[in-house]
Amino acid sequence: MRAFSPWLVLLMFASPARADDQSAEFEEHTFAWHGGAKMPYRLLKPAKVEAGKKYPLVLILHGWGERGSDNNKQLKDFGPAFLKPGVRKRFPCFVLLPQANGSWVENPVFDKPIGLTKKPTANLAMAHEILKAVVKKHPVDADRLYLMGYSNGACGVWELLEREPHVWAAAAPMAGAGDPSHVGPAKKVAIWAFHGEKDPTIPLDRMRELVAALRAAHGHPMFTIYPKGVHHHAKDGLHDPNLLRWMFAQRRGQPEVPFEEVAKPTDKRPTSLVKK
């Protein structure tokens, strides 16, 4: 049998270490709620926190496949995006990633809009409580709270927009659904939605209905439809080069900063036809 090269052995053990080092930048925490309920979460802080300065915070709700209690799977897609050196330098911020053990919303069935229930799920309520605790403890700018989420997490994003429209400066739901009849109060929140045209998991119509309802309420959401999106992969919106530039320019209670002011001159504003 051929002997292992010592360099190969070193590489085999070095690669996981680098991945662990990256994950370690997101602090591990557990939130304890009444009744003994707990929720694990990760928190990324700005690389350098300056005294007397406040920073924006991004709350990210993961998809169905990342649910659990390992306090790690929820980092899979969004974590690496916020650890890029360029992002860390240009957009210093807190990034909060709670992990739910089930759905963020009640009755996540997508053959029709998701009706807003009287109370949120325990998972969504705990995520909101974690957010409030982090804002209280750390130098967070309460006028620059941002929401992002994918799939089941995007459904949670829409519900938070419906329940707490005055909290958020901007939101980016990706391949989600919500209640069009209750989304109108979020018309002043800067929103950029993403969805695949032929998404087999959550039909495009669910997002169309929400965008149409916001526009009917005189909101101005942007909407990107991936015309070849035959998979449930609208989280690709996370990699749009203009998303973070646009999002971090927004502030609660102030007029939305237009896409054209933050994008490159050659980039076109995301638009789509929305059925009324």
Protein backbone atom coordinates (compact mmCIF):
# COMPACT_ATOMS: atom_id res chain seq x y z
CA MET A 1 0.00 0.00 0.00
CA ARG A 2 1.30 3.43 -0.92
CA ALA A 3 2.18 5.55 2.12
CA PHE A 4 0.44 8.88 2.68
CA SER A 5 2.52 11.92 1.92
CA PRO A 6 3.01 14.00 5.09
CA TRP A 7 1.98 17.06 3.07
CA LEU A 8 -1.28 15.37 2.04
CA VAL A 9 -2.02 14.50 5.66
CA LEU A 10 -1.35 18.12 6.63
CA LEU A 11 -3.72 19.42 3.94
CA MET A 12 -6.43 16.96 4.93
CA PHE A 13 -6.45 18.34 8.46
CA ALA A 14 -5.78 21.99 7.55
CA SER A 15 -8.84 22.55 5.35
CA PRO A 16 -11.47 21.81 8.03
CA ALA A 17 -9.52 24.01 10.44
CA ARG A 18 -9.83 26.96 8.09
CA ALA A 19 -13.58 26.38 7.78
CA ASP A 20 -13.88 26.23 11.56
CA ASP A 21 -11.91 29.45 11.89
CA GLN A 22 -14.38 31.17 9.57
CA SER A 23 -17.40 29.91 11.50
CA ALA A 24 -15.73 30.96 14.73
CA GLU A 25 -16.03 34.60 13.69
CA PHE A 26 -19.74 34.17 14.32
CA GLU A 27 -20.09 34.00 18.09
CA GLU A 28 -22.20 31.12 19.41
CA HIS A 29 -25.07 31.94 21.75
CA THR A 30 -28.25 30.37 23.07
CA PHE A 31 -31.35 32.37 23.89
CA ALA A 32 -33.48 31.10 26.78
CA TRP A 33 -37.16 32.02 26.70
CA HIS A 34 -40.07 31.47 29.06
CA GLY A 35 -41.33 27.93 29.48
CA GLY A 36 -37.86 26.49 28.97
CA ALA A 37 -37.79 27.19 25.22
CA LYS A 38 -34.36 27.86 23.74
CA MET A 39 -33.02 29.06 20.41
CA PRO A 40 -29.39 28.90 19.28
CA TYR A 41 -28.03 31.82 17.30
CA ARG A 42 -24.84 33.18 15.82
CA LEU A 43 -23.68 36.79 15.94
CA LEU A 44 -21.04 38.41 13.76
CA LYS A 45 -19.70 41.72 15.04
CA PRO A 46 -17.95 44.43 13.02
CA ALA A 47 -14.26 43.63 12.62
CA LYS A 48 -13.49 46.78 14.61
CA VAL A 49 -16.00 48.40 16.95
CA GLU A 50 -15.17 52.07 17.49
CA ALA A 51 -16.15 53.75 20.75
CA GLY A 52 -19.19 55.98 20.44
CA LYS A 53 -20.18 54.62 17.03
CA LYS A 54 -23.30 52.63 16.20
CA TYR A 55 -23.57 50.01 13.48
CA PRO A 56 -26.31 48.52 11.32
CA LEU A 57 -27.62 45.02 11.99
CA VAL A 58 -28.84 42.38 9.54
CA LEU A 59 -31.27 39.74 10.80
CA ILE A 60 -31.18 36.66 8.57
CA LEU A 61 -33.79 33.89 8.62
CA HIS A 62 -32.62 30.59 7.14
CA GLY A 63 -34.49 28.17 4.90
CA TRP A 64 -36.22 24.89 5.77
CA GLY A 65 -33.12 22.81 5.18
CA GLU A 66 -31.12 24.68 7.80
CA ARG A 67 -33.53 24.18 10.70
CA GLY A 68 -32.24 22.29 13.74
CA SER A 69 -30.26 22.90 16.92
CA ASP A 70 -26.61 22.49 15.88
CA ASN A 71 -26.14 26.27 15.68
CA ASN A 72 -24.16 25.87 12.49
CA LYS A 73 -26.31 24.97 9.48
CA GLN A 74 -27.87 28.42 9.33
CA LEU A 75 -24.47 29.83 8.37
CA LYS A 76 -24.28 27.83 5.15
CA ASP A 77 -25.42 30.38 2.56
CA PHE A 78 -25.42 33.78 4.20
CA GLY A 79 -22.47 33.40 6.54
CA PRO A 80 -19.72 33.28 3.89
CA ALA A 81 -21.24 36.26 2.07
CA PHE A 82 -20.76 38.49 5.11
CA LEU A 83 -17.27 37.16 5.87
CA LYS A 84 -15.81 38.32 2.57
CA PRO A 85 -13.00 40.78 3.33
CA GLY A 86 -14.45 43.40 1.00
CA VAL A 87 -17.85 43.19 2.68
CA ARG A 88 -16.36 43.29 6.19
CA LYS A 89 -14.40 46.42 5.29
CA ARG A 90 -17.04 48.30 3.33
CA PHE A 91 -20.11 47.36 5.36
CA PRO A 92 -19.15 46.97 9.04
CA CYS A 93 -22.23 45.61 10.75
CA PHE A 94 -23.71 43.08 13.13
CA VAL A 95 -25.13 39.96 11.47
CA LEU A 96 -27.63 37.91 13.46
CA LEU A 97 -28.50 34.35 12.42
CA PRO A 98 -30.92 32.52 14.76
CA GLN A 99 -31.68 28.84 14.10
CA ALA A 100 -35.26 27.59 14.28
CA ASN A 101 -36.12 23.96 15.05
CA GLY A 102 -39.08 24.11 12.67
CA SER A 103 -40.99 26.57 10.53
CA TRP A 104 -40.78 30.32 10.99
CA VAL A 105 -44.45 30.65 10.05
CA GLU A 106 -47.70 28.76 10.62
CA ASN A 107 -49.18 26.65 7.81
CA PRO A 108 -46.42 27.02 5.19
CA VAL A 109 -48.49 25.67 2.29
CA PHE A 110 -48.03 27.54 -0.96
CA ASP A 111 -51.03 26.75 -3.17
CA LYS A 112 -52.47 30.04 -1.89
CA PRO A 113 -51.19 33.06 0.11
CA ILE A 114 -50.12 32.42 3.70
CA GLY A 115 -52.69 33.98 6.00
CA LEU A 116 -51.36 36.07 8.87
CA THR A 117 -52.20 34.30 12.12
CA LYS A 118 -53.23 35.99 15.35
CA LYS A 119 -49.87 35.23 16.94
CA PRO A 120 -46.45 34.44 15.43
CA THR A 121 -44.83 31.04 15.85
CA ALA A 122 -42.61 30.61 18.89
CA ASN A 123 -39.64 30.50 16.50
CA LEU A 124 -40.42 33.87 14.94
CA ALA A 125 -41.24 35.41 18.32
CA MET A 126 -37.92 34.21 19.77
CA ALA A 127 -35.98 35.56 16.78
CA HIS A 128 -37.57 38.95 17.40
CA GLU A 129 -36.74 38.78 21.11
CA ILE A 130 -33.13 37.90 20.30
CA LEU A 131 -32.97 40.91 18.00
CA LYS A 132 -34.23 43.21 20.76
CA ALA A 133 -31.71 41.79 23.23
CA VAL A 134 -28.80 42.26 20.81
CA VAL A 135 -29.86 45.82 20.00
CA LYS A 136 -30.02 46.60 23.72
CA LYS A 137 -26.63 45.08 24.53
CA HIS A 138 -24.53 46.19 21.55
CA PRO A 139 -23.94 49.51 19.74
CA VAL A 140 -26.59 48.92 17.10
CA ASP A 141 -28.17 51.71 15.06
CA ALA A 142 -31.91 51.11 15.53
CA ASP A 143 -32.61 53.08 12.33
CA ARG A 144 -30.57 50.62 10.28
CA LEU A 145 -32.12 47.23 10.98
CA TYR A 146 -32.26 45.04 7.88
CA LEU A 147 -34.05 41.78 7.10
CA MET A 148 -32.95 38.99 4.79
CA GLY A 149 -34.30 35.48 4.36
CA TYR A 150 -34.61 32.59 1.96
CA SER A 151 -37.56 30.23 1.34
CA ASN A 152 -39.20 29.47 4.69
CA GLY A 153 -37.05 32.26 6.08
CA ALA A 154 -38.36 34.65 3.42
CA CYS A 155 -41.87 33.77 4.63
CA GLY A 156 -40.69 34.82 8.08
CA VAL A 157 -39.32 38.05 6.62
CA TRP A 158 -42.70 38.89 5.10
CA GLU A 159 -44.45 38.13 8.38
CA LEU A 160 -42.08 40.39 10.34
CA LEU A 161 -42.74 43.13 7.78
CA GLU A 162 -46.48 42.62 8.26
CA ARG A 163 -46.33 42.54 12.07
CA GLU A 164 -43.61 45.15 12.71
CA PRO A 165 -43.50 47.45 9.65
CA HIS A 166 -42.07 50.41 11.62
CA VAL A 167 -38.97 48.52 12.79
CA TRP A 168 -37.14 47.88 9.51
CA ALA A 169 -35.12 50.07 7.16
CA ALA A 170 -34.95 47.51 4.34
CA ALA A 171 -35.70 43.87 3.54
CA ALA A 172 -34.64 41.32 0.95
CA PRO A 173 -36.97 38.29 0.87
CA MET A 174 -35.83 35.53 -1.51
CA ALA A 175 -38.30 32.92 -2.79
CA GLY A 176 -40.93 33.35 -0.12
CA ALA A 177 -44.63 33.92 0.51
CA GLY A 178 -46.84 35.95 2.84
CA ASP A 179 -50.22 37.60 3.28
CA PRO A 180 -50.91 40.27 0.62
CA SER A 181 -53.92 41.53 2.59
CA HIS A 182 -51.69 42.56 5.53
CA VAL A 183 -48.52 43.76 3.79
CA GLY A 184 -49.73 47.28 2.97
CA PRO A 185 -48.39 48.89 6.20
CA ALA A 186 -44.86 47.92 5.08
CA LYS A 187 -45.12 50.24 2.06
CA LYS A 188 -42.52 52.63 3.51
CA VAL A 189 -39.90 49.91 3.99
CA ALA A 190 -37.35 49.62 1.20
CA ILE A 191 -37.89 46.12 -0.22
CA TRP A 192 -36.07 44.17 -2.91
CA ALA A 193 -37.68 40.79 -3.56
CA PHE A 194 -36.20 37.87 -5.54
CA HIS A 195 -37.88 34.81 -7.07
CA GLY A 196 -37.34 32.21 -9.79
CA GLU A 197 -39.87 32.27 -12.62
CA LYS A 198 -40.51 28.52 -12.51
CA ASP A 199 -39.84 27.86 -8.83
CA PRO A 200 -41.34 24.38 -8.15
CA THR A 201 -41.47 24.81 -4.37
CA ILE A 202 -43.00 28.25 -3.83
CA PRO A 203 -44.82 29.48 -6.95
CA LEU A 204 -43.82 32.84 -8.37
CA ASP A 205 -47.42 34.02 -7.94
CA ARG A 206 -46.96 34.11 -4.15
CA MET A 207 -44.28 36.80 -4.51
CA ARG A 208 -46.11 38.58 -7.31
CA GLU A 209 -49.16 38.99 -5.07
CA LEU A 210 -47.12 40.60 -2.30
CA VAL A 211 -45.31 42.99 -4.63
CA ALA A 212 -48.59 43.93 -6.31
CA ALA A 213 -50.23 44.60 -2.92
CA LEU A 214 -47.36 46.86 -1.87
CA ARG A 215 -47.54 48.79 -5.12
CA ALA A 216 -51.28 49.14 -4.77
CA ALA A 217 -50.62 50.67 -1.33
CA HIS A 218 -48.22 53.14 -3.03
CA GLY A 219 -45.09 51.31 -1.99
CA HIS A 220 -42.13 50.97 -4.36
CA PRO A 221 -40.62 47.49 -3.95
CA MET A 222 -38.03 46.29 -6.43
CA PHE A 223 -38.56 42.81 -7.79
CA THR A 224 -36.05 40.55 -9.53
CA ILE A 225 -37.40 37.50 -11.34
CA TYR A 226 -34.84 35.00 -12.61
CA PRO A 227 -36.30 34.04 -16.01
CA LYS A 228 -34.51 30.69 -16.08
CA GLY A 229 -35.17 30.02 -12.41
CA VAL A 230 -36.49 26.45 -12.62
CA HIS A 231 -35.12 25.61 -9.18
CA HIS A 232 -35.88 26.95 -5.71
CA HIS A 233 -32.68 29.02 -5.77
CA ALA A 234 -33.62 32.71 -5.59
CA LYS A 235 -31.08 33.02 -2.76
CA ASP A 236 -28.79 33.79 -5.69
CA GLY A 237 -30.03 37.32 -5.10
CA LEU A 238 -27.57 37.39 -2.20
CA HIS A 239 -24.78 37.55 -4.78
CA ASP A 240 -26.21 40.50 -6.71
CA PRO A 241 -23.37 43.05 -6.59
CA ASN A 242 -25.81 45.87 -5.85
CA LEU A 243 -27.81 44.25 -3.04
CA LEU A 244 -25.65 45.24 -0.07
CA ARG A 245 -24.84 48.66 -1.53
CA TRP A 246 -28.58 49.35 -1.86
CA MET A 247 -29.55 47.81 1.48
CA PHE A 248 -26.98 49.57 3.67
CA ALA A 249 -27.91 52.93 2.14
CA GLN A 250 -31.44 52.71 3.60
CA ARG A 251 -32.51 54.21 6.92
CA ARG A 252 -35.73 53.80 8.81
CA GLY A 253 -38.12 56.74 8.62
CA GLN A 254 -36.30 58.36 5.70
CA PRO A 255 -37.14 58.35 1.98
CA GLU A 256 -35.74 55.32 0.20
CA VAL A 257 -32.34 55.90 -1.38
CA PRO A 258 -32.94 55.12 -5.07
CA PHE A 259 -31.18 52.17 -6.65
CA GLU A 260 -29.63 54.51 -9.20
CA GLU A 261 -27.74 56.40 -6.48
CA VAL A 262 -25.88 53.34 -5.23
CA ALA A 263 -25.51 51.15 -8.33
CA LYS A 264 -23.00 51.58 -11.11
CA PRO A 265 -24.22 53.93 -13.88
CA THR A 266 -24.43 51.00 -16.28
CA ASP A 267 -26.67 48.90 -14.00
CA LYS A 268 -30.40 48.96 -14.63
CA ARG A 269 -33.00 49.20 -11.87
CA PRO A 270 -34.61 45.78 -11.23
CA THR A 271 -38.13 45.83 -12.65
CA SER A 272 -40.73 43.24 -13.58
CA LEU A 273 -44.31 43.08 -14.71
CA VAL A 274 -46.60 42.33 -11.82
CA LYS A 275 -50.12 41.09 -12.47
CA LYS A 276 -52.66 43.36 -10.79
